[in-house]
PDB file of N, CA and C in Angstrom:
ATOM      1  N   GLY A   1     -15.877  14.199  10.116  1.00  0.00           N
ATOM      2  CA  GLY A   1     -15.828  14.595   9.265  1.00  0.00           C
ATOM      3  C   GLY A   1     -16.284  14.564   7.949  1.00  0.00           C
ATOM      4  N   GLY A   2     -15.973  15.141   7.165  1.00  0.00           N
ATOM      5  CA  GLY A   2     -17.111  14.949   5.614  1.00  0.00           C
ATOM      6  C   GLY A   2     -16.284  14.266   4.581  1.00  0.00           C
ATOM      7  N   GLY A   3     -16.547  14.219   3.688  1.00  0.00           N
ATOM      8  CA  GLY A   3     -15.977  13.938   2.740  1.00  0.00           C
ATOM      9  C   GLY A   3     -15.604  12.222   2.940  1.00  0.00           C
ATOM     10  N   GLY A   4     -16.060  11.647   3.375  1.00  0.00           N
ATOM     11  CA  GLY A   4     -15.941  10.304   3.413  1.00  0.00           C
ATOM     12  C   GLY A   4     -14.952   9.563   4.165  1.00  0.00           C
ATOM     13  N   GLY A   5     -14.314  10.793   4.924  1.00  0.00           N
ATOM     14  CA  GLY A   5     -13.440  10.422   5.368  1.00  0.00           C
ATOM     15  C   GLY A   5     -12.742  11.626   6.863  1.00  0.00           C
ATOM     16  N   PRO A   6     -12.924  11.429   8.125  1.00  0.00           N
ATOM     17  CA  PRO A   6     -12.759  11.692   9.151  1.00  0.00           C
ATOM     18  C   PRO A   6     -11.802  12.945   9.248  1.00  0.00           C
ATOM     19  N   ARG A   7     -10.896  13.593   8.277  1.00  0.00           N
ATOM     20  CA  ARG A   7     -10.453  14.508   7.936  1.00  0.00           C
ATOM     21  C   ARG A   7     -11.057  15.327   6.424  1.00  0.00           C
ATOM     22  N   GLY A   8     -11.632  14.894   6.418  1.00  0.00           N
ATOM     23  CA  GLY A   8     -12.675  15.487   4.937  1.00  0.00           C
ATOM     24  C   GLY A   8     -11.915  14.973   4.025  1.00  0.00           C
ATOM     25  N   GLU A   9     -11.017  14.120   3.432  1.00  0.00           N
ATOM     26  CA  GLU A   9     -10.247  13.791   2.473  1.00  0.00           C
ATOM     27  C   GLU A   9     -10.479  12.502   1.570  1.00  0.00           C
ATOM     28  N   GLY A  10     -11.464  12.473   1.895  1.00  0.00           N
ATOM     29  CA  GLY A  10     -12.047  11.579   0.962  1.00  0.00           C
ATOM     30  C   GLY A  10     -11.568   9.727   2.304  1.00  0.00           C
ATOM     31  N   ALA A  11     -11.724   9.000   1.204  1.00  0.00           N
ATOM     32  CA  ALA A  11     -11.456   7.121   2.297  1.00  0.00           C
ATOM     33  C   ALA A  11     -10.162   7.118   3.035  1.00  0.00           C
ATOM     34  N   GLY A  12      -9.282   8.294   2.668  1.00  0.00           N
ATOM     35  CA  GLY A  12      -7.575   8.095   3.531  1.00  0.00           C
ATOM     36  C   GLY A  12      -6.953   8.919   4.090  1.00  0.00           C
ATOM     37  N   GLY A  13      -7.363  10.188   4.090  1.00  0.00           N
ATOM     38  CA  GLY A  13      -7.422  10.554   4.881  1.00  0.00           C
ATOM     39  C   GLY A  13      -6.208  11.762   5.022  1.00  0.00           C
ATOM     40  N   GLY A  14      -5.117  10.951   5.115  1.00  0.00           N
ATOM     41  CA  GLY A  14      -3.949  11.329   4.826  1.00  0.00           C
ATOM     42  C   GLY A  14      -3.777  10.786   4.076  1.00  0.00           C
ATOM     43  N   GLY A  15      -3.911  10.448   2.991  1.00  0.00           N
ATOM     44  CA  GLY A  15      -3.008   9.650   2.108  1.00  0.00           C
ATOM     45  C   GLY A  15      -2.681   7.865   2.305  1.00  0.00           C
ATOM     46  N   GLY A  16      -1.877   7.293   1.017  1.00  0.00           N
ATOM     47  CA  GLY A  16      -1.530   5.949   1.336  1.00  0.00           C
ATOM     48  C   GLY A  16       0.301   6.077   2.098  1.00  0.00           C
ATOM     49  N   VAL A  17       0.201   6.147   3.800  1.00  0.00           N
ATOM     50  CA  VAL A  17       0.878   6.198   4.188  1.00  0.00           C
ATOM     51  C   VAL A  17       1.215   4.297   4.916  1.00  0.00           C
ATOM     52  N   CYS A  18       2.660   4.641   4.368  1.00  0.00           N
ATOM     53  CA  CYS A  18       2.839   2.912   5.025  1.00  0.00           C
ATOM     54  C   CYS A  18       3.241   2.992   6.726  1.00  0.00           C
ATOM     55  N   GLY A  19       3.149   2.213   7.586  1.00  0.00           N
ATOM     56  CA  GLY A  19       3.507   1.815   8.743  1.00  0.00           C
ATOM     57  C   GLY A  19       3.775  -0.043   8.775  1.00  0.00           C
ATOM     58  N   GLY A  20       3.433  -0.300   9.774  1.00  0.00           N
ATOM     59  CA  GLY A  20       3.960  -2.069  10.155  1.00  0.00           C
ATOM     60  C   GLY A  20       2.939  -2.239   9.177  1.00  0.00           C
ATOM     61  N   ALA A  21       3.615  -4.100   8.983  1.00  0.00           N
ATOM     62  CA  ALA A  21       2.995  -4.711   8.090  1.00  0.00           C
ATOM     63  C   ALA A  21       1.819  -4.996   8.430  1.00  0.00           C
ATOM     64  N   GLY A  22       0.753  -5.647   7.910  1.00  0.00           N
ATOM     65  CA  GLY A  22      -0.886  -5.453   8.143  1.00  0.00           C
ATOM     66  C   GLY A  22      -0.950  -6.554   9.219  1.00  0.00           C
ATOM     67  N   ARG A  23      -1.597  -6.855   9.923  1.00  0.00           N
ATOM     68  CA  ARG A  23      -1.791  -7.903  10.757  1.00  0.00           C
ATOM     69  C   ARG A  23      -3.156  -7.640  10.629  1.00  0.00           C
ATOM     70  N   ALA A  24      -4.268  -8.554  11.841  1.00  0.00           N
ATOM     71  CA  ALA A  24      -5.299  -8.302  11.977  1.00  0.00           C
ATOM     72  C   ALA A  24      -6.176  -7.016  12.354  1.00  0.00           C
ATOM     73  N   GLY A  25      -7.209  -6.610  12.004  1.00  0.00           N
ATOM     74  CA  GLY A  25      -7.482  -5.532  11.809  1.00  0.00           C
ATOM     75  C   GLY A  25      -7.900  -5.133  10.607  1.00  0.00           C
ATOM     76  N   PRO A  26      -7.951  -3.441  11.242  1.00  0.00           N
ATOM     77  CA  PRO A  26      -8.315  -2.955   9.420  1.00  0.00           C
ATOM     78  C   PRO A  26      -7.035  -2.771   9.017  1.00  0.00           C
ATOM     79  N   PRO A  27      -6.876  -2.349   7.651  1.00  0.00           N
ATOM     80  CA  PRO A  27      -5.867  -1.820   7.139  1.00  0.00           C
ATOM     81  C   PRO A  27      -4.604  -0.848   7.343  1.00  0.00           C
ATOM     82  N   ARG A  28      -3.243  -1.202   7.680  1.00  0.00           N
ATOM     83  CA  ARG A  28      -2.603  -1.053   8.254  1.00  0.00           C
ATOM     84  C   ARG A  28      -1.067  -0.740   7.272  1.00  0.00           C
ATOM     85  N   GLY A  29      -1.331  -0.342   6.118  1.00  0.00           N
ATOM     86  CA  GLY A  29       0.044  -0.140   5.279  1.00  0.00           C
ATOM     87  C   GLY A  29       0.715  -1.398   5.515  1.00  0.00           C
ATOM     88  N   PRO A  30       2.000  -1.481   4.663  1.00  0.00           N
ATOM     89  CA  PRO A  30       1.991  -2.016   3.454  1.00  0.00           C
ATOM     90  C   PRO A  30       1.583  -3.819   3.300  1.00  0.00           C
ATOM     91  N   LEU A  31       0.675  -3.735   2.646  1.00  0.00           N
ATOM     92  CA  LEU A  31       0.161  -5.098   1.978  1.00  0.00           C
ATOM     93  C   LEU A  31       1.023  -5.704   0.638  1.00  0.00           C
ATOM     94  N   PRO A  32       1.299  -7.058   0.465  1.00  0.00           N
ATOM     95  CA  PRO A  32       1.821  -7.483  -0.974  1.00  0.00           C
ATOM     96  C   PRO A  32       0.475  -7.856  -1.627  1.00  0.00           C
ATOM     97  N   ALA A  33       0.290  -7.069  -2.285  1.00  0.00           N
ATOM     98  CA  ALA A  33      -0.532  -7.735  -3.096  1.00  0.00           C
ATOM     99  C   ALA A  33      -0.136  -8.991  -4.236  1.00  0.00           C
ATOM    100  N   ARG A  34      -1.574  -9.728  -3.785  1.00  0.00           N
ATOM    101  CA  ARG A  34      -1.682 -10.938  -4.591  1.00  0.00           C
ATOM    102  C   ARG A  34      -1.468 -10.852  -5.860  1.00  0.00           C
ATOM    103  N   GLY A  35      -0.439 -12.342  -6.027  1.00  0.00           N
ATOM    104  CA  GLY A  35      -1.216 -12.673  -8.075  1.00  0.00           C
ATOM    105  C   GLY A  35      -0.066 -11.717  -8.470  1.00  0.00           C
ATOM    106  N   GLY A  36       1.542 -11.870  -8.490  1.00  0.00           N
ATOM    107  CA  GLY A  36       1.960 -10.988  -8.924  1.00  0.00           C
ATOM    108  C   GLY A  36       1.919 -10.473  -9.715  1.00  0.00           C
ATOM    109  N   GLY A  37       2.414  -9.124  -9.943  1.00  0.00           N
ATOM    110  CA  GLY A  37       2.076  -8.566 -11.340  1.00  0.00           C
ATOM    111  C   GLY A  37       0.679  -8.184 -11.862  1.00  0.00           C
ATOM    112  N   ARG A  38      -0.398  -7.806 -10.976  1.00  0.00           N
ATOM    113  CA  ARG A  38      -1.678  -7.320 -10.078  1.00  0.00           C
ATOM    114  C   ARG A  38      -1.703  -5.813  -9.461  1.00  0.00           C
ATOM    115  N   ARG A  39      -0.061  -4.798  -9.020  1.00  0.00           N
ATOM    116  CA  ARG A  39      -0.293  -4.703  -8.435  1.00  0.00           C
ATOM    117  C   ARG A  39      -1.321  -2.775  -8.385  1.00  0.00           C
ATOM    118  N   ASP A  40      -0.646  -2.917 -10.311  1.00  0.00           N
ATOM    119  CA  ASP A  40      -1.492  -2.267 -10.179  1.00  0.00           C
ATOM    120  C   ASP A  40      -2.788  -1.495 -10.902  1.00  0.00           C
ATOM    121  N   GLU A  41      -3.320  -2.671 -10.998  1.00  0.00           N
ATOM    122  CA  GLU A  41      -5.201  -3.598 -11.181  1.00  0.00           C
ATOM    123  C   GLU A  41      -6.075  -3.325  -9.558  1.00  0.00           C
ATOM    124  N   VAL A  42      -4.908  -3.137  -9.157  1.00  0.00           N
ATOM    125  CA  VAL A  42      -5.525  -3.088  -7.370  1.00  0.00           C
ATOM    126  C   VAL A  42      -5.470  -1.964  -6.996  1.00  0.00           C
ATOM    127  N   GLN A  43      -4.304  -1.139  -7.445  1.00  0.00           N
ATOM    128  CA  GLN A  43      -4.072   0.163  -7.231  1.00  0.00           C
ATOM    129  C   GLN A  43      -5.167   0.796  -8.320  1.00  0.00           C
ATOM    130  N   ALA A  44      -5.374   0.738  -9.582  1.00  0.00           N
ATOM    131  CA  ALA A  44      -6.106   1.643 -10.505  1.00  0.00           C
ATOM    132  C   ALA A  44      -7.427   0.995  -9.587  1.00  0.00           C
ATOM    133  N   ALA A  45      -7.717   0.182  -9.158  1.00  0.00           N
ATOM    134  CA  ALA A  45      -9.229  -0.206  -8.801  1.00  0.00           C
ATOM    135  C   ALA A  45      -9.814   0.721  -6.831  1.00  0.00           C
ATOM    136  N   LEU A  46      -8.494   0.581  -6.327  1.00  0.00           N
ATOM    137  CA  LEU A  46      -8.840   1.706  -5.263  1.00  0.00           C
ATOM    138  C   LEU A  46      -9.384   2.897  -5.569  1.00  0.00           C
ATOM    139  N   ALA A  47      -8.667   3.570  -6.857  1.00  0.00           N
ATOM    140  CA  ALA A  47      -8.441   4.529  -6.481  1.00  0.00           C
ATOM    141  C   ALA A  47     -10.165   5.490  -7.243  1.00  0.00           C
ATOM    142  N   ALA A  48     -10.265   4.219  -8.185  1.00  0.00           N
ATOM    143  CA  ALA A  48     -11.734   4.413  -8.500  1.00  0.00           C
ATOM    144  C   ALA A  48     -12.613   4.634  -7.737  1.00  0.00           C
ATOM    145  N   GLN A  49     -12.354   4.548  -6.229  1.00  0.00           N
ATOM    146  CA  GLN A  49     -13.362   4.470  -5.131  1.00  0.00           C
ATOM    147  C   GLN A  49     -12.472   5.521  -4.444  1.00  0.00           C
ATOM    148  N   ALA A  50     -12.529   6.353  -4.663  1.00  0.00           N
ATOM    149  CA  ALA A  50     -11.409   7.442  -3.908  1.00  0.00           C
ATOM    150  C   ALA A  50     -10.527   6.850  -2.727  1.00  0.00           C
ATOM    151  N   ILE A  51     -10.027   5.538  -2.671  1.00  0.00           N
ATOM    152  CA  ILE A  51      -9.171   5.159  -2.048  1.00  0.00           C
ATOM    153  C   ILE A  51      -7.886   5.590  -2.228  1.00  0.00           C
ATOM    154  N   PRO A  52      -6.746   6.194  -1.502  1.00  0.00           N
ATOM    155  CA  PRO A  52      -5.694   6.478  -1.935  1.00  0.00           C
ATOM    156  C   PRO A  52      -4.312   5.352  -1.594  1.00  0.00           C
ATOM    157  N   THR A  53      -3.472   5.698  -2.213  1.00  0.00           N
ATOM    158  CA  THR A  53      -2.289   4.495  -2.441  1.00  0.00           C
ATOM    159  C   THR A  53      -1.590   4.559  -2.936  1.00  0.00           C
ATOM    160  N   ALA A  54      -0.157   4.431  -1.876  1.00  0.00           N
ATOM    161  CA  ALA A  54       1.403   4.608  -3.084  1.00  0.00           C
ATOM    162  C   ALA A  54       2.353   3.664  -2.735  1.00  0.00           C
ATOM    163  N   ILE A  55       3.281   4.063  -3.424  1.00  0.00           N
ATOM    164  CA  ILE A  55       4.809   2.988  -3.366  1.00  0.00           C
ATOM    165  C   ILE A  55       5.407   3.797  -3.233  1.00  0.00           C
ATOM    166  N   HIS A  56       5.964   3.266  -1.939  1.00  0.00           N
ATOM    167  CA  HIS A  56       7.283   4.620  -1.699  1.00  0.00           C
ATOM    168  C   HIS A  56       8.353   3.841  -2.023  1.00  0.00           C
ATOM    169  N   TYR A  57       8.790   3.070  -2.405  1.00  0.00           N
ATOM    170  CA  TYR A  57       9.909   2.059  -2.132  1.00  0.00           C
ATOM    171  C   TYR A  57       9.674   1.666  -4.205  1.00  0.00           C
ATOM    172  N   PRO A  58      10.272   2.312  -4.825  1.00  0.00           N
ATOM    173  CA  PRO A  58      10.036   1.202  -6.013  1.00  0.00           C
ATOM    174  C   PRO A  58      11.259   0.627  -6.640  1.00  0.00           C
ATOM    175  N   LEU A  59      11.674   0.745  -5.858  1.00  0.00           N
ATOM    176  CA  LEU A  59      13.277   0.299  -6.071  1.00  0.00           C
ATOM    177  C   LEU A  59      13.841  -0.265  -4.732  1.00  0.00           C
ATOM    178  N   PRO A  60      13.798  -1.304  -4.696  1.00  0.00           N
ATOM    179  CA  PRO A  60      14.234  -2.018  -2.805  1.00  0.00           C
ATOM    180  C   PRO A  60      16.207  -0.876  -2.924  1.00  0.00           C
ATOM    181  N   MET A  61      15.832  -0.655  -1.680  1.00  0.00           N
ATOM    182  CA  MET A  61      17.236  -0.317  -0.488  1.00  0.00           C
ATOM    183  C   MET A  61      18.709  -0.247  -1.300  1.00  0.00           C
ATOM    184  N   HIS A  62      18.810  -1.739  -1.639  1.00  0.00           N
ATOM    185  CA  HIS A  62      20.116  -2.153  -2.263  1.00  0.00           C
ATOM    186  C   HIS A  62      20.263  -1.401  -3.766  1.00  0.00           C
ATOM    187  N   LEU A  63      19.663  -0.785  -5.051  1.00  0.00           N
ATOM    188  CA  LEU A  63      19.186  -0.380  -5.814  1.00  0.00           C
ATOM    189  C   LEU A  63      19.384   0.915  -5.508  1.00  0.00           C
ATOM    190  N   GLN A  64      19.001   1.418  -5.336  1.00  0.00           N
ATOM    191  CA  GLN A  64      18.703   2.850  -4.781  1.00  0.00           C
ATOM    192  C   GLN A  64      20.246   4.007  -5.235  1.00  0.00           C
ATOM    193  N   PRO A  65      20.569   4.832  -5.600  1.00  0.00           N
ATOM    194  CA  PRO A  65      21.533   5.265  -5.920  1.00  0.00           C
ATOM    195  C   PRO A  65      22.200   5.717  -4.132  1.00  0.00           C
ATOM    196  N   ALA A  66      21.570   6.255  -3.086  1.00  0.00           N
ATOM    197  CA  ALA A  66      22.374   5.936  -2.024  1.00  0.00           C
ATOM    198  C   ALA A  66      22.824   5.062  -1.739  1.00  0.00           C
ATOM    199  N   TYR A  67      22.907   3.964  -1.744  1.00  0.00           N
ATOM    200  CA  TYR A  67      22.652   2.794  -1.154  1.00  0.00           C
ATOM    201  C   TYR A  67      23.645   1.827  -2.453  1.00  0.00           C
ATOM    202  N   ARG A  68      23.782   2.105  -3.199  1.00  0.00           N
ATOM    203  CA  ARG A  68      23.797   1.459  -4.441  1.00  0.00           C
ATOM    204  C   ARG A  68      25.339   0.663  -3.832  1.00  0.00           C
ATOM    205  N   GLN A  69      26.522   1.788  -3.411  1.00  0.00           N
ATOM    206  CA  GLN A  69      27.909   1.217  -2.602  1.00  0.00           C
ATOM    207  C   GLN A  69      27.909   0.001  -2.156  1.00  0.00           C
ATOM    208  N   TRP A  70      27.228  -0.389  -0.939  1.00  0.00           N
ATOM    209  CA  TRP A  70      26.964  -1.317  -0.927  1.00  0.00           C
ATOM    210  C   TRP A  70      26.179  -2.424  -0.678  1.00  0.00           C
ATOM    211  N   GLY A  71      25.827  -2.749  -1.725  1.00  0.00           N
ATOM    212  CA  GLY A  71      24.841  -3.398  -2.410  1.00  0.00           C
ATOM    213  C   GLY A  71      25.739  -4.297  -3.418  1.00  0.00           C
ATOM    214  N   GLU A  72      25.518  -5.358  -3.579  1.00  0.00           N
ATOM    215  CA  GLU A  72      26.177  -6.299  -5.270  1.00  0.00           C
ATOM    216  C   GLU A  72      25.468  -6.800  -6.305  1.00  0.00           C
ATOM    217  N   GLY A  73      24.562  -5.388  -6.505  1.00  0.00           N
ATOM    218  CA  GLY A  73      23.321  -5.063  -7.349  1.00  0.00           C
ATOM    219  C   GLY A  73      22.158  -5.923  -7.561  1.00  0.00           C
ATOM    220  N   ALA A  74      21.806  -5.439  -8.526  1.00  0.00           N
ATOM    221  CA  ALA A  74      20.221  -6.793  -8.845  1.00  0.00           C
ATOM    222  C   ALA A  74      20.330  -8.006  -8.717  1.00  0.00           C
ATOM    223  N   GLY A  75      19.729  -8.743  -8.059  1.00  0.00           N
ATOM    224  CA  GLY A  75      19.807  -9.974  -8.547  1.00  0.00           C
ATOM    225  C   GLY A  75      20.134 -10.503  -6.980  1.00  0.00           C
ATOM    226  N   SER A  76      20.705 -10.015  -5.951  1.00  0.00           N
ATOM    227  CA  SER A  76      21.479  -9.612  -4.820  1.00  0.00           C
ATOM    228  C   SER A  76      21.076  -9.460  -3.857  1.00  0.00           C
ATOM    229  N   LEU A  77      19.745  -9.015  -4.292  1.00  0.00           N
ATOM    230  CA  LEU A  77      18.508  -9.743  -2.693  1.00  0.00           C
ATOM    231  C   LEU A  77      17.338  -9.998  -3.351  1.00  0.00           C
ATOM    232  N   PRO A  78      17.527 -11.321  -3.839  1.00  0.00           N
ATOM    233  CA  PRO A  78      16.199 -11.709  -4.594  1.00  0.00           C
ATOM    234  C   PRO A  78      14.690 -11.046  -3.676  1.00  0.00           C
ATOM    235  N   ALA A  79      14.582 -11.394  -2.590  1.00  0.00           N
ATOM    236  CA  ALA A  79      12.731 -10.643  -1.718  1.00  0.00           C
ATOM    237  C   ALA A  79      13.186  -9.634  -1.724  1.00  0.00           C
ATOM    238  N   SER A  80      13.308  -8.699  -1.723  1.00  0.00           N
ATOM    239  CA  SER A  80      13.392  -7.525  -1.219  1.00  0.00           C
ATOM    240  C   SER A  80      13.116  -7.035  -2.764  1.00  0.00           C
ATOM    241  N   GLU A  81      13.444  -7.159  -4.117  1.00  0.00           N
ATOM    242  CA  GLU A  81      12.929  -6.941  -5.250  1.00  0.00           C
ATOM    243  C   GLU A  81      11.901  -6.869  -5.578  1.00  0.00           C
ATOM    244  N   ARG A  82      11.813  -8.575  -5.069  1.00  0.00           N
ATOM    245  CA  ARG A  82      10.198  -9.486  -5.800  1.00  0.00           C
ATOM    246  C   ARG A  82       9.570  -8.760  -4.547  1.00  0.00           C
ATOM    247  N   LEU A  83       9.247  -7.691  -3.309  1.00  0.00           N
ATOM    248  CA  LEU A  83       8.681  -7.423  -2.731  1.00  0.00           C
ATOM    249  C   LEU A  83       7.862  -5.260  -3.168  1.00  0.00           C
ATOM    250  N   CYS A  84       9.243  -5.360  -3.452  1.00  0.00           N
ATOM    251  CA  CYS A  84       9.384  -4.151  -4.209  1.00  0.00           C
ATOM    252  C   CYS A  84       8.259  -3.702  -5.333  1.00  0.00           C
ATOM    253  N   ARG A  85       8.035  -4.662  -5.830  1.00  0.00           N
ATOM    254  CA  ARG A  85       7.184  -5.411  -6.940  1.00  0.00           C
ATOM    255  C   ARG A  85       5.930  -5.266  -6.551  1.00  0.00           C
ATOM    256  N   LYS A  86       5.174  -5.677  -5.071  1.00  0.00           N
ATOM    257  CA  LYS A  86       4.348  -6.133  -4.979  1.00  0.00           C
ATOM    258  C   LYS A  86       3.782  -5.500  -4.114  1.00  0.00           C
ATOM    259  N   VAL A  87       4.320  -4.572  -3.247  1.00  0.00           N
ATOM    260  CA  VAL A  87       4.010  -4.072  -1.929  1.00  0.00           C
ATOM    261  C   VAL A  87       3.392  -2.737  -2.272  1.00  0.00           C
ATOM    262  N   LEU A  88       2.066  -2.609  -1.881  1.00  0.00           N
ATOM    263  CA  LEU A  88       1.231  -1.072  -1.842  1.00  0.00           C
ATOM    264  C   LEU A  88       0.901  -0.408  -0.458  1.00  0.00           C
ATOM    265  N   CYS A  89       1.059   0.181  -0.554  1.00  0.00           N
ATOM    266  CA  CYS A  89       0.688   1.135  -0.023  1.00  0.00           C
ATOM    267  C   CYS A  89      -1.173   1.697   0.850  1.00  0.00           C
ATOM    268  N   LEU A  90      -1.525   1.810   1.765  1.00  0.00           N
ATOM    269  CA  LEU A  90      -2.577   1.572   1.837  1.00  0.00           C
ATOM    270  C   LEU A  90      -2.837   3.293   2.944  1.00  0.00           C
ATOM    271  N   PRO A  91      -4.113   3.204   3.389  1.00  0.00           N
ATOM    272  CA  PRO A  91      -3.810   4.682   3.927  1.00  0.00           C
ATOM    273  C   PRO A  91      -4.029   3.902   5.893  1.00  0.00           C
ATOM    274  N   MET A  92      -2.903   5.075   6.518  1.00  0.00           N
ATOM    275  CA  MET A  92      -3.393   4.842   7.849  1.00  0.00           C
ATOM    276  C   MET A  92      -2.793   5.694   8.451  1.00  0.00           C
ATOM    277  N   HIS A  93      -4.149   6.403   8.977  1.00  0.00           N
ATOM    278  CA  HIS A  93      -2.979   7.200   9.892  1.00  0.00           C
ATOM    279  C   HIS A  93      -4.274   7.772  11.556  1.00  0.00           C
ATOM    280  N   PRO A  94      -3.871   8.226  12.547  1.00  0.00           N
ATOM    281  CA  PRO A  94      -4.676   7.605  14.199  1.00  0.00           C
ATOM    282  C   PRO A  94      -6.561   8.067  13.458  1.00  0.00           C
ATOM    283  N   ASP A  95      -6.634   8.856  12.627  1.00  0.00           N
ATOM    284  CA  ASP A  95      -8.393   9.425  12.309  1.00  0.00           C
ATOM    285  C   ASP A  95      -9.390   8.533  11.809  1.00  0.00           C
ATOM    286  N   LEU A  96      -8.303   7.163  11.421  1.00  0.00           N
ATOM    287  CA  LEU A  96      -8.887   6.594  10.482  1.00  0.00           C
ATOM    288  C   LEU A  96     -10.517   6.017  11.356  1.00  0.00           C
ATOM    289  N   ASP A  97     -11.572   6.081  10.756  1.00  0.00           N
ATOM    290  CA  ASP A  97     -12.569   5.427  11.748  1.00  0.00           C
ATOM    291  C   ASP A  97     -12.677   4.328  10.753  1.00  0.00           C
ATOM    292  N   GLU A  98     -13.635   3.251  11.551  1.00  0.00           N
ATOM    293  CA  GLU A  98     -13.880   1.823  11.733  1.00  0.00           C
ATOM    294  C   GLU A  98     -14.731   1.825  10.246  1.00  0.00           C
ATOM    295  N   PRO A  99     -15.105   2.564  10.213  1.00  0.00           N
ATOM    296  CA  PRO A  99     -16.672   2.045   9.558  1.00  0.00           C
ATOM    297  C   PRO A  99     -15.555   2.430   7.715  1.00  0.00           C
ATOM    298  N   THR A 100     -14.252   3.607   7.673  1.00  0.00           N
ATOM    299  CA  THR A 100     -13.564   3.433   6.685  1.00  0.00           C
ATOM    300  C   THR A 100     -12.515   2.710   6.250  1.00  0.00           C
ATOM    301  N   ALA A 101     -12.185   2.038   7.663  1.00  0.00           N
ATOM    302  CA  ALA A 101     -10.992   0.868   7.158  1.00  0.00           C
ATOM    303  C   ALA A 101     -11.740  -0.800   6.831  1.00  0.00           C
ATOM    304  N   MET A 102     -12.629   0.332   6.961  1.00  0.00           N
ATOM    305  CA  MET A 102     -13.891  -1.813   7.053  1.00  0.00           C
ATOM    306  C   MET A 102     -13.954  -1.777   5.118  1.00  0.00           C
ATOM    307  N   ARG A 103     -14.169  -0.348   4.899  1.00  0.00           N
ATOM    308  CA  ARG A 103     -14.599   0.329   3.841  1.00  0.00           C
ATOM    309  C   ARG A 103     -13.373  -0.381   2.509  1.00  0.00           C
ATOM    310  N   ILE A 104     -12.579   0.582   3.312  1.00  0.00           N
ATOM    311  CA  ILE A 104     -10.696   0.417   2.784  1.00  0.00           C
ATOM    312  C   ILE A 104     -10.775  -1.933   2.288  1.00  0.00           C
ATOM    313  N   ALA A 105     -10.702  -1.939   3.309  1.00  0.00           N
ATOM    314  CA  ALA A 105     -10.231  -3.097   3.352  1.00  0.00           C
ATOM    315  C   ALA A 105     -11.276  -4.701   2.409  1.00  0.00           C
ATOM    316  N   ARG A 106     -12.623  -3.719   2.343  1.00  0.00           N
ATOM    317  CA  ARG A 106     -13.886  -4.352   1.228  1.00  0.00           C
ATOM    318  C   ARG A 106     -13.593  -4.081  -0.085  1.00  0.00           C
ATOM    319  N   ALA A 107     -12.594  -3.298   0.398  1.00  0.00           N
ATOM    320  CA  ALA A 107     -12.229  -2.575  -1.896  1.00  0.00           C
ATOM    321  C   ALA A 107     -11.071  -2.917  -1.473  1.00  0.00           C
ATOM    322  N   VAL A 108     -10.250  -3.566  -1.131  1.00  0.00           N
ATOM    323  CA  VAL A 108      -9.089  -4.053  -1.201  1.00  0.00           C
ATOM    324  C   VAL A 108      -8.947  -5.375  -1.655  1.00  0.00           C
ATOM    325  N   ARG A 109      -9.939  -6.278  -0.581  1.00  0.00           N
ATOM    326  CA  ARG A 109     -10.283  -8.106  -0.905  1.00  0.00           C
ATOM    327  C   ARG A 109     -11.113  -8.025  -2.059  1.00  0.00           C
ATOM    328  N   ASP A 110     -11.890  -7.271  -2.259  1.00  0.00           N
ATOM    329  CA  ASP A 110     -12.553  -7.377  -3.824  1.00  0.00           C
ATOM    330  C   ASP A 110     -12.137  -6.920  -5.093  1.00  0.00           C
ATOM    331  N   ALA A 111     -10.727  -6.147  -5.284  1.00  0.00           N
ATOM    332  CA  ALA A 111      -9.883  -6.155  -6.157  1.00  0.00           C
ATOM    333  C   ALA A 111      -8.889  -6.673  -6.630  1.00  0.00           C
ATOM    334  N   ALA A 112      -8.604  -7.900  -4.892  1.00  0.00           N
ATOM    335  CA  ALA A 112      -7.657  -8.425  -5.139  1.00  0.00           C
ATOM    336  C   ALA A 112      -7.674  -9.836  -5.407  1.00  0.00           C
ATOM    337  N   GLY A 113      -9.099  -9.630  -5.072  1.00  0.00           N
ATOM    338  CA  GLY A 113     -10.016 -11.298  -5.935  1.00  0.00           C
ATOM    339  C   GLY A 113     -10.060 -12.226  -4.547  1.00  0.00           C
ATOM    340  N   GLY A 114     -10.123 -11.757  -3.770  1.00  0.00           N
ATOM    341  CA  GLY A 114      -9.955 -12.578  -2.593  1.00  0.00           C
ATOM    342  C   GLY A 114     -11.319 -12.997  -2.118  1.00  0.00           C
TER     343      GLY A 114
END
């Protein structure tokens, strides 16, 4: 397709979609940003290269209104709270071709300082 992605929608095709945790190979959604507090910087750097990202859960489940009754409030699940401040979802869809995935991977590596 045109526009840099297989669906003609730029590098991300279908947008920033989270799937299983990233493993070896092309980016596959949620990725904890290196260096706490840098997620916004990484997200901005990717946006400058027309790579869409998303933050699907800005609050951990136990702090969301629909689930608060089962949680014990802020601080009760510190790992979940920490990850919600770090996770950045990257483009992931069946039509993501390898050259585009590698471009995204390089952009993430460069933006995250790795």
